[in-house]
Amino acid sequence: MFFRKKDKKKAAELQKNAQDEIVSLKKQVEDLLNDRVTPAIVQAADKADQVVHNTKEITDHQMKQVSDKVQSKPLIAIVLSIVIGYLLGRVIR
């Protein structure tokens, strides 16, 4: 299997073109990641952080309200706790 110089030259040129295409595609993918994907991920992370912060604020507010109600009417809170405990005990059995 002897190849002519023309065939070797053509094969080398095809290989060079393929390598150039791969480099070009790699650059395009990197640009796409930097321009579109990374900002979208950062934006999604910011939104998730905001949701967590809002949820924490709501939970803290609700806990404060419950605490205030229990402090203002402790007898009702104790009776209510006993009733809920009894009902949960009946349901779990």
N, C-alpha and C. Protein backbone atom coordinates (compact mmCIF):
# COMPACT_ATOMS: atom_id res chain seq x y z
N MET A 1 0.82 -1.17 0.00
CA MET A 1 0.00 0.00 0.00
C MET A 1 0.88 1.25 0.00
N PHE A 2 1.13 1.69 -1.12
CA PHE A 2 1.93 2.89 -1.27
C PHE A 2 1.02 4.04 -1.65
N PHE A 3 1.19 5.14 -0.95
CA PHE A 3 0.38 6.32 -1.24
C PHE A 3 1.24 7.31 -2.01
N ARG A 4 0.58 7.95 -2.89
CA ARG A 4 1.29 8.98 -3.64
C ARG A 4 1.42 10.24 -2.80
N LYS A 5 2.34 11.06 -3.16
CA LYS A 5 2.56 12.30 -2.43
C LYS A 5 1.30 13.16 -2.42
N LYS A 6 0.56 13.14 -3.53
CA LYS A 6 -0.68 13.92 -3.62
C LYS A 6 -1.68 13.45 -2.57
N ASP A 7 -1.80 12.10 -2.43
CA ASP A 7 -2.75 11.54 -1.47
C ASP A 7 -2.34 11.88 -0.04
N LYS A 8 -1.06 11.81 0.24
CA LYS A 8 -0.58 12.15 1.57
C LYS A 8 -0.82 13.62 1.87
N LYS A 9 -0.58 14.45 0.86
CA LYS A 9 -0.77 15.88 1.04
C LYS A 9 -2.25 16.19 1.27
N LYS A 10 -3.11 15.50 0.51
CA LYS A 10 -4.55 15.70 0.64
C LYS A 10 -5.04 15.23 2.01
N ALA A 11 -4.52 14.10 2.48
CA ALA A 11 -4.89 13.59 3.79
C ALA A 11 -4.45 14.55 4.89
N ALA A 12 -3.25 15.10 4.76
CA ALA A 12 -2.75 16.04 5.75
C ALA A 12 -3.59 17.31 5.75
N GLU A 13 -4.00 17.74 4.56
CA GLU A 13 -4.83 18.93 4.46
C GLU A 13 -6.21 18.69 5.08
N LEU A 14 -6.79 17.51 4.84
CA LEU A 14 -8.07 17.17 5.44
C LEU A 14 -7.96 17.12 6.97
N GLN A 15 -6.87 16.56 7.45
CA GLN A 15 -6.67 16.49 8.89
C GLN A 15 -6.55 17.89 9.48
N LYS A 16 -5.81 18.75 8.80
CA LYS A 16 -5.65 20.14 9.27
C LYS A 16 -6.99 20.85 9.28
N ASN A 17 -7.80 20.65 8.22
CA ASN A 17 -9.13 21.28 8.17
C ASN A 17 -10.02 20.77 9.31
N ALA A 18 -9.95 19.48 9.58
CA ALA A 18 -10.75 18.90 10.66
C ALA A 18 -10.33 19.48 12.01
N GLN A 19 -9.03 19.62 12.21
CA GLN A 19 -8.54 20.20 13.46
C GLN A 19 -8.98 21.66 13.59
N ASP A 20 -8.93 22.40 12.49
CA ASP A 20 -9.37 23.79 12.51
C ASP A 20 -10.86 23.89 12.85
N GLU A 21 -11.67 22.99 12.29
CA GLU A 21 -13.10 22.96 12.58
C GLU A 21 -13.36 22.65 14.06
N ILE A 22 -12.58 21.71 14.59
CA ILE A 22 -12.74 21.35 16.01
C ILE A 22 -12.40 22.55 16.89
N VAL A 23 -11.33 23.25 16.58
CA VAL A 23 -10.95 24.43 17.35
C VAL A 23 -12.04 25.49 17.25
N SER A 24 -12.56 25.68 16.04
CA SER A 24 -13.63 26.66 15.84
C SER A 24 -14.88 26.29 16.63
N LEU A 25 -15.27 25.03 16.60
CA LEU A 25 -16.45 24.59 17.35
C LEU A 25 -16.23 24.72 18.85
N LYS A 26 -15.03 24.42 19.31
CA LYS A 26 -14.72 24.56 20.72
C LYS A 26 -14.87 26.02 21.15
N LYS A 27 -14.39 26.93 20.34
CA LYS A 27 -14.52 28.37 20.65
C LYS A 27 -15.98 28.78 20.68
N GLN A 28 -16.77 28.29 19.72
CA GLN A 28 -18.19 28.63 19.69
C GLN A 28 -18.91 28.11 20.94
N VAL A 29 -18.59 26.90 21.37
CA VAL A 29 -19.21 26.34 22.57
C VAL A 29 -18.81 27.16 23.80
N GLU A 30 -17.54 27.52 23.91
CA GLU A 30 -17.09 28.34 25.04
C GLU A 30 -17.79 29.70 25.05
N ASP A 31 -17.93 30.30 23.88
CA ASP A 31 -18.62 31.59 23.78
C ASP A 31 -20.08 31.45 24.20
N LEU A 32 -20.72 30.39 23.75
CA LEU A 32 -22.12 30.14 24.10
C LEU A 32 -22.26 29.97 25.61
N LEU A 33 -21.36 29.20 26.21
CA LEU A 33 -21.40 29.01 27.66
C LEU A 33 -21.22 30.33 28.38
N ASN A 34 -20.26 31.12 27.96
CA ASN A 34 -19.98 32.39 28.63
C ASN A 34 -21.09 33.42 28.42
N ASP A 35 -21.68 33.43 27.24
CA ASP A 35 -22.67 34.45 26.91
C ASP A 35 -24.08 34.11 27.36
N ARG A 36 -24.44 32.84 27.35
CA ARG A 36 -25.83 32.47 27.61
C ARG A 36 -26.02 31.58 28.83
N VAL A 37 -25.27 30.51 28.92
CA VAL A 37 -25.53 29.51 29.96
C VAL A 37 -25.11 30.02 31.33
N THR A 38 -23.93 30.54 31.45
CA THR A 38 -23.45 31.00 32.76
C THR A 38 -24.34 32.10 33.34
N PRO A 39 -24.71 33.12 32.56
CA PRO A 39 -25.63 34.13 33.12
C PRO A 39 -26.99 33.55 33.52
N ALA A 40 -27.48 32.59 32.77
CA ALA A 40 -28.76 31.97 33.11
C ALA A 40 -28.66 31.21 34.43
N ILE A 41 -27.54 30.53 34.64
CA ILE A 41 -27.34 29.80 35.89
C ILE A 41 -27.23 30.78 37.05
N VAL A 42 -26.50 31.85 36.86
CA VAL A 42 -26.36 32.86 37.92
C VAL A 42 -27.72 33.47 38.25
N GLN A 43 -28.50 33.75 37.23
CA GLN A 43 -29.83 34.33 37.44
C GLN A 43 -30.73 33.35 38.20
N ALA A 44 -30.69 32.08 37.83
CA ALA A 44 -31.49 31.07 38.53
C ALA A 44 -31.05 30.93 39.99
N ALA A 45 -29.76 30.98 40.23
CA ALA A 45 -29.25 30.90 41.60
C ALA A 45 -29.70 32.11 42.42
N ASP A 46 -29.69 33.29 41.80
CA ASP A 46 -30.15 34.50 42.50
C ASP A 46 -31.63 34.38 42.87
N LYS A 47 -32.43 33.88 41.92
CA LYS A 47 -33.86 33.71 42.20
C LYS A 47 -34.08 32.69 43.32
N ALA A 48 -33.34 31.60 43.29
CA ALA A 48 -33.47 30.59 44.34
C ALA A 48 -33.09 31.19 45.69
N ASP A 49 -32.03 31.98 45.72
CA ASP A 49 -31.61 32.62 46.96
C ASP A 49 -32.69 33.57 47.47
N GLN A 50 -33.31 34.28 46.57
CA GLN A 50 -34.38 35.21 46.94
C GLN A 50 -35.59 34.46 47.50
N VAL A 51 -35.93 33.33 46.90
CA VAL A 51 -37.05 32.52 47.38
C VAL A 51 -36.75 32.00 48.79
N VAL A 52 -35.53 31.54 49.00
CA VAL A 52 -35.14 31.04 50.33
C VAL A 52 -35.25 32.17 51.35
N HIS A 53 -34.76 33.34 50.99
CA HIS A 53 -34.81 34.49 51.90
C HIS A 53 -36.27 34.85 52.23
N ASN A 54 -37.12 34.91 51.21
CA ASN A 54 -38.54 35.24 51.42
C ASN A 54 -39.22 34.19 52.29
N THR A 55 -38.92 32.92 52.04
CA THR A 55 -39.52 31.85 52.82
C THR A 55 -39.11 31.95 54.28
N LYS A 56 -37.84 32.26 54.51
CA LYS A 56 -37.36 32.42 55.89
C LYS A 56 -38.08 33.57 56.58
N GLU A 57 -38.25 34.68 55.88
CA GLU A 57 -38.96 35.82 56.46
C GLU A 57 -40.40 35.47 56.81
N ILE A 58 -41.07 34.78 55.91
CA ILE A 58 -42.47 34.38 56.16
C ILE A 58 -42.54 33.44 57.34
N THR A 59 -41.63 32.48 57.40
CA THR A 59 -41.63 31.52 58.51
C THR A 59 -41.38 32.23 59.83
N ASP A 60 -40.41 33.14 59.85
CA ASP A 60 -40.14 33.90 61.07
C ASP A 60 -41.36 34.71 61.51
N HIS A 61 -42.02 35.32 60.55
CA HIS A 61 -43.21 36.11 60.85
C HIS A 61 -44.32 35.22 61.43
N GLN A 62 -44.54 34.06 60.82
CA GLN A 62 -45.57 33.14 61.31
C GLN A 62 -45.25 32.64 62.71
N MET A 63 -43.97 32.32 62.95
CA MET A 63 -43.56 31.86 64.28
C MET A 63 -43.81 32.95 65.33
N LYS A 64 -43.53 34.19 64.97
CA LYS A 64 -43.75 35.31 65.89
C LYS A 64 -45.23 35.45 66.20
N GLN A 65 -46.07 35.31 65.18
CA GLN A 65 -47.52 35.42 65.40
C GLN A 65 -48.02 34.32 66.33
N VAL A 66 -47.59 33.09 66.09
CA VAL A 66 -48.01 31.97 66.92
C VAL A 66 -47.53 32.18 68.35
N SER A 67 -46.29 32.60 68.48
CA SER A 67 -45.73 32.84 69.81
C SER A 67 -46.52 33.92 70.55
N ASP A 68 -46.88 34.99 69.86
CA ASP A 68 -47.66 36.07 70.47
C ASP A 68 -49.03 35.57 70.91
N LYS A 69 -49.67 34.75 70.08
CA LYS A 69 -51.00 34.22 70.43
C LYS A 69 -50.92 33.30 71.63
N VAL A 70 -49.89 32.46 71.66
CA VAL A 70 -49.73 31.54 72.79
C VAL A 70 -49.48 32.33 74.07
N GLN A 71 -48.68 33.38 73.99
CA GLN A 71 -48.40 34.18 75.18
C GLN A 71 -49.63 34.96 75.65
N SER A 72 -50.46 35.37 74.71
CA SER A 72 -51.64 36.14 75.09
C SER A 72 -52.75 35.25 75.66
N LYS A 73 -52.81 33.98 75.21
CA LYS A 73 -53.85 33.07 75.69
C LYS A 73 -53.23 31.69 75.97
N PRO A 74 -52.48 31.58 77.06
CA PRO A 74 -51.77 30.32 77.32
C PRO A 74 -52.70 29.15 77.63
N LEU A 75 -53.81 29.38 78.29
CA LEU A 75 -54.73 28.28 78.63
C LEU A 75 -55.32 27.66 77.38
N ILE A 76 -55.72 28.49 76.42
CA ILE A 76 -56.27 27.97 75.16
C ILE A 76 -55.19 27.18 74.41
N ALA A 77 -53.98 27.66 74.43
CA ALA A 77 -52.87 26.97 73.75
C ALA A 77 -52.64 25.60 74.37
N ILE A 78 -52.69 25.51 75.71
CA ILE A 78 -52.48 24.22 76.38
C ILE A 78 -53.60 23.25 76.04
N VAL A 79 -54.84 23.72 76.10
CA VAL A 79 -56.00 22.85 75.78
C VAL A 79 -55.92 22.41 74.32
N LEU A 80 -55.61 23.31 73.44
CA LEU A 80 -55.50 22.98 72.02
C LEU A 80 -54.39 21.96 71.78
N SER A 81 -53.27 22.10 72.46
CA SER A 81 -52.17 21.14 72.32
C SER A 81 -52.59 19.76 72.81
N ILE A 82 -53.32 19.71 73.92
CA ILE A 82 -53.80 18.41 74.44
C ILE A 82 -54.74 17.76 73.43
N VAL A 83 -55.67 18.52 72.89
CA VAL A 83 -56.63 17.97 71.93
C VAL A 83 -55.91 17.47 70.67
N ILE A 84 -54.99 18.25 70.14
CA ILE A 84 -54.25 17.83 68.94
C ILE A 84 -53.42 16.59 69.23
N GLY A 85 -52.77 16.55 70.38
CA GLY A 85 -51.99 15.37 70.77
C GLY A 85 -52.86 14.13 70.87
N TYR A 86 -54.04 14.28 71.49
CA TYR A 86 -54.97 13.16 71.62
C TYR A 86 -55.42 12.65 70.24
N LEU A 87 -55.80 13.60 69.38
CA LEU A 87 -56.27 13.21 68.04
C LEU A 87 -55.15 12.54 67.24
N LEU A 88 -53.96 13.06 67.30
CA LEU A 88 -52.84 12.43 66.60
C LEU A 88 -52.56 11.04 67.15
N GLY A 89 -52.65 10.90 68.46
CA GLY A 89 -52.45 9.58 69.06
C GLY A 89 -53.50 8.59 68.60
N ARG A 90 -54.72 9.02 68.44
CA ARG A 90 -55.81 8.13 67.97
C ARG A 90 -55.61 7.76 66.49
N VAL A 91 -55.16 8.71 65.69
CA VAL A 91 -54.97 8.47 64.27
C VAL A 91 -53.78 7.53 64.03
N ILE A 92 -52.73 7.69 64.79
CA ILE A 92 -51.52 6.89 64.59
C ILE A 92 -51.75 5.43 64.96
N ARG A 93 -52.59 5.16 65.93
CA ARG A 93 -52.85 3.76 66.32
C ARG A 93 -53.50 3.04 65.24
